[in-house]
Amino acid sequence: MFWKRSTNSKHKSEKKETLVKVLFSNIFSLLKIFAVCLILIFIITNYVVRHIQVNGVSMYPTLHDKEFGLSNAFAAKFQDIERGDIVVAYENTQLYTYVVKRVIGLPNETISCKDDVVYVNGKPLDEPYLDNDYANRFRDVGEVFTEDFDEIKLGEDEYFLMGDNRSISQDSRELGPFDRNQIRGVGIFVLFPFTEIRSAK
């Protein structure tokens, strides 16, 4: 009788050890999956695509408030950024958030504005993206769409960003130039609302 009890106790102990091993093995497997997922998310959002939601109307009418889309993180890291590109940039001095703006000035250029005309290195900048009904309503009633600002000299790694809705946009005119490493995405492909799916230009 004593031998039987001892055998049962041994079996129970072995079962318990097996269950603990299985439990720890499952937990370890889940942790590995979780770690791989985190690494993939980090790689995708920093080197492939970045999701972004537009907050506010500083890029109106090109982009609307609350629109959701994807931006090309790979281009921001490894390709040239060109004038006129719409970019996602991290503002790290006042707003501490991501902003969506348009590239106006490139490294080592001088930027200024006089009488509603933006000048790059002293030459008027052609801005076809501002030739729309919204901007022209300001001009038709004699108002200035882009306020004058004095010449700003950009450094070798600096970009001057402005919103398309110049009358209300908080951008490089107040926040200063953005460094290349602050630009985290190039271009916006709007996914939501579904009725507005498009590549913003």
Protein backbone atom coordinates (compact mmCIF):
# COMPACT_ATOMS: atom_id res chain seq x y z
CA MET A 1 0.00 0.00 0.00
CA PHE A 2 2.81 2.34 0.88
CA TRP A 3 4.50 1.50 -2.44
CA LYS A 4 1.35 2.38 -4.40
CA ARG A 5 1.02 5.74 -2.66
CA SER A 6 4.66 6.50 -3.37
CA THR A 7 4.18 5.60 -7.04
CA ASN A 8 1.07 7.80 -7.35
CA SER A 9 2.89 10.68 -5.70
CA LYS A 10 5.78 10.28 -8.12
CA HIS A 11 3.42 10.28 -11.12
CA LYS A 12 1.69 13.41 -9.84
CA SER A 13 5.04 15.12 -9.36
CA GLU A 14 6.14 14.19 -12.89
CA LYS A 15 2.85 15.44 -14.32
CA LYS A 16 3.23 18.72 -12.47
CA GLU A 17 6.79 19.14 -13.76
CA THR A 18 5.63 18.38 -17.31
CA LEU A 19 2.81 20.92 -17.07
CA VAL A 20 5.20 23.59 -15.76
CA LYS A 21 7.64 22.88 -18.58
CA VAL A 22 4.86 23.09 -21.19
CA LEU A 23 3.59 26.31 -19.64
CA PHE A 24 7.01 27.94 -19.65
CA SER A 25 7.65 26.69 -23.17
CA ASN A 26 4.39 28.26 -24.38
CA ILE A 27 5.11 31.53 -22.58
CA PHE A 28 8.61 31.63 -24.08
CA SER A 29 7.18 30.98 -27.55
CA LEU A 30 4.67 33.80 -27.11
CA LEU A 31 7.42 36.16 -25.95
CA LYS A 32 9.49 35.28 -29.02
CA ILE A 33 6.51 35.96 -31.30
CA PHE A 34 5.85 39.25 -29.48
CA ALA A 35 9.51 40.30 -29.83
CA VAL A 36 9.55 39.44 -33.55
CA CYS A 37 6.33 41.43 -34.07
CA LEU A 38 7.81 44.46 -32.29
CA ILE A 39 10.96 44.27 -34.42
CA LEU A 40 8.88 43.99 -37.61
CA ILE A 41 6.70 46.94 -36.58
CA PHE A 42 9.81 49.01 -35.85
CA ILE A 43 11.39 48.15 -39.21
CA ILE A 44 8.19 48.73 -41.21
CA THR A 45 7.27 52.05 -39.56
CA ASN A 46 10.80 53.44 -39.65
CA TYR A 47 12.12 52.08 -42.95
CA VAL A 48 9.14 51.12 -45.13
CA VAL A 49 5.90 53.01 -44.53
CA ARG A 50 4.61 55.28 -41.77
CA HIS A 51 0.94 55.72 -40.95
CA ILE A 52 -0.22 59.28 -40.38
CA GLN A 53 -3.44 61.04 -39.51
CA VAL A 54 -3.86 64.64 -40.61
CA ASN A 55 -4.72 66.89 -37.68
CA GLY A 56 -6.02 70.31 -38.59
CA VAL A 57 -6.33 72.16 -41.87
CA SER A 58 -2.81 73.52 -42.40
CA MET A 59 -2.56 71.56 -45.67
CA TYR A 60 -6.09 72.33 -46.88
CA PRO A 61 -7.30 71.88 -49.61
CA THR A 62 -4.57 69.35 -50.51
CA LEU A 63 -5.29 67.34 -47.35
CA HIS A 64 -8.30 67.48 -45.06
CA ASP A 65 -8.58 67.23 -41.29
CA LYS A 66 -8.74 63.64 -39.94
CA GLU A 67 -7.70 62.01 -43.20
CA PHE A 68 -5.63 58.88 -42.60
CA GLY A 69 -2.91 57.59 -44.90
CA LEU A 70 0.52 56.11 -45.40
CA SER A 71 3.81 57.88 -46.06
CA ASN A 72 6.99 56.50 -47.63
CA ALA A 73 9.49 56.07 -44.78
CA PHE A 74 12.06 54.43 -47.06
CA ALA A 75 12.24 57.54 -49.27
CA ALA A 76 12.69 59.73 -46.21
CA LYS A 77 15.67 57.65 -45.10
CA PHE A 78 17.43 56.82 -48.33
CA GLN A 79 16.23 58.97 -51.24
CA ASP A 80 16.59 62.63 -52.16
CA ILE A 81 13.94 64.98 -50.84
CA GLU A 82 12.79 67.41 -53.50
CA ARG A 83 11.13 70.79 -53.47
CA GLY A 84 7.37 70.44 -53.58
CA ASP A 85 7.33 67.07 -51.81
CA ILE A 86 4.72 66.60 -49.11
CA VAL A 87 6.51 65.24 -46.05
CA VAL A 88 5.81 63.98 -42.56
CA ALA A 89 8.21 65.59 -40.09
CA TYR A 90 8.70 65.38 -36.35
CA GLU A 91 8.70 68.81 -34.70
CA ASN A 92 10.90 68.57 -31.62
CA THR A 93 11.15 72.13 -30.30
CA GLN A 94 7.60 73.38 -29.67
CA LEU A 95 4.88 70.98 -30.83
CA TYR A 96 6.59 67.63 -30.12
CA THR A 97 4.45 65.86 -32.67
CA TYR A 98 4.36 64.85 -36.32
CA VAL A 99 3.34 67.51 -38.84
CA VAL A 100 2.48 67.24 -42.52
CA LYS A 101 3.93 70.05 -44.65
CA ARG A 102 5.37 70.78 -48.09
CA VAL A 103 9.08 71.22 -48.84
CA ILE A 104 9.75 74.79 -49.97
CA GLY A 105 13.45 75.31 -49.31
CA LEU A 106 16.37 72.90 -49.67
CA PRO A 107 19.75 72.85 -47.86
CA ASN A 108 21.97 75.94 -48.27
CA GLU A 109 19.21 78.00 -49.93
CA THR A 110 17.79 81.34 -48.85
CA ILE A 111 14.00 81.69 -48.51
CA SER A 112 11.93 84.84 -48.20
CA CYS A 113 8.49 86.18 -49.08
CA LYS A 114 7.40 89.58 -50.37
CA ASP A 115 3.98 90.66 -51.64
CA ASP A 116 2.57 87.12 -51.57
CA VAL A 117 5.48 85.70 -53.58
CA VAL A 118 7.99 83.23 -52.09
CA TYR A 119 11.57 83.70 -53.24
CA VAL A 120 14.28 81.03 -53.31
CA ASN A 121 17.81 82.41 -53.68
CA GLY A 122 16.23 85.68 -54.80
CA LYS A 123 14.09 84.13 -57.56
CA PRO A 124 10.28 83.80 -57.47
CA LEU A 125 9.10 80.28 -56.71
CA ASP A 126 6.46 78.75 -58.95
CA GLU A 127 3.83 77.18 -56.68
CA PRO A 128 1.15 75.50 -58.82
CA TYR A 129 -0.28 73.70 -55.77
CA LEU A 130 -1.48 77.10 -54.50
CA ASP A 131 -3.43 77.83 -57.67
CA ASN A 132 -6.80 76.71 -56.35
CA ASP A 133 -10.18 78.21 -55.54
CA TYR A 134 -9.42 78.41 -51.83
CA ALA A 135 -6.18 80.42 -52.19
CA ASN A 136 -7.56 82.56 -54.99
CA ARG A 137 -10.49 83.68 -52.83
CA PHE A 138 -7.99 85.46 -50.60
CA ARG A 139 -6.33 87.15 -53.54
CA ASP A 140 -9.63 88.10 -55.21
CA VAL A 141 -10.56 90.25 -52.23
CA GLY A 142 -7.11 91.82 -51.99
CA GLU A 143 -5.84 89.74 -49.05
CA VAL A 144 -2.38 88.22 -48.82
CA PHE A 145 -2.31 84.43 -48.77
CA THR A 146 1.37 84.15 -47.74
CA GLU A 147 2.51 86.81 -45.30
CA ASP A 148 5.86 88.53 -45.88
CA PHE A 149 8.89 87.18 -44.01
CA ASP A 150 12.54 88.16 -44.08
CA GLU A 151 15.22 86.12 -45.77
CA ILE A 152 16.15 82.89 -43.98
CA LYS A 153 19.41 81.09 -44.73
CA LEU A 154 19.23 77.30 -44.49
CA GLY A 155 22.08 75.14 -43.26
CA GLU A 156 23.61 72.22 -45.13
CA ASP A 157 21.11 69.75 -43.65
CA GLU A 158 18.05 71.98 -43.24
CA TYR A 159 14.70 72.14 -45.05
CA PHE A 160 12.12 74.90 -45.04
CA LEU A 161 8.60 73.46 -44.74
CA MET A 162 5.28 75.26 -45.18
CA GLY A 163 1.64 74.25 -45.19
CA ASP A 164 -0.50 74.80 -48.27
CA ASN A 165 -3.01 76.72 -46.16
CA ARG A 166 -0.56 79.57 -45.67
CA SER A 167 -2.95 81.83 -43.75
CA ILE A 168 -3.12 79.51 -40.73
CA SER A 169 -0.28 77.01 -41.06
CA GLN A 170 2.26 76.81 -38.26
CA ASP A 171 5.44 75.83 -40.07
CA SER A 172 9.07 76.82 -40.62
CA ARG A 173 8.09 80.46 -40.52
CA GLU A 174 7.48 80.08 -36.76
CA LEU A 175 9.10 76.73 -35.94
CA GLY A 176 12.29 77.23 -37.91
CA PRO A 177 13.91 74.90 -40.46
CA PHE A 178 13.68 71.12 -40.10
CA ASP A 179 16.74 68.89 -40.12
CA ARG A 180 16.82 65.95 -42.52
CA ASN A 181 16.57 63.47 -39.65
CA GLN A 182 13.28 65.08 -38.58
CA ILE A 183 11.68 64.15 -41.89
CA ARG A 184 10.18 60.68 -41.39
CA GLY A 185 8.02 60.20 -44.48
CA VAL A 186 7.67 61.47 -48.05
CA GLY A 187 4.33 61.68 -49.83
CA ILE A 188 0.89 60.79 -48.50
CA PHE A 189 -1.40 58.10 -49.88
CA VAL A 190 -4.82 58.77 -48.34
CA LEU A 191 -6.66 55.60 -47.33
CA PHE A 192 -9.52 56.99 -45.26
CA PRO A 193 -12.20 58.21 -45.77
CA PHE A 194 -12.66 55.54 -48.44
CA THR A 195 -14.39 58.06 -50.69
CA GLU A 196 -11.19 60.16 -50.73
CA ILE A 197 -8.59 57.48 -51.53
CA ARG A 198 -5.81 59.16 -53.52
CA SER A 199 -2.16 60.10 -53.66
CA ALA A 200 -1.84 63.67 -52.39
CA LYS A 201 0.21 65.93 -54.66
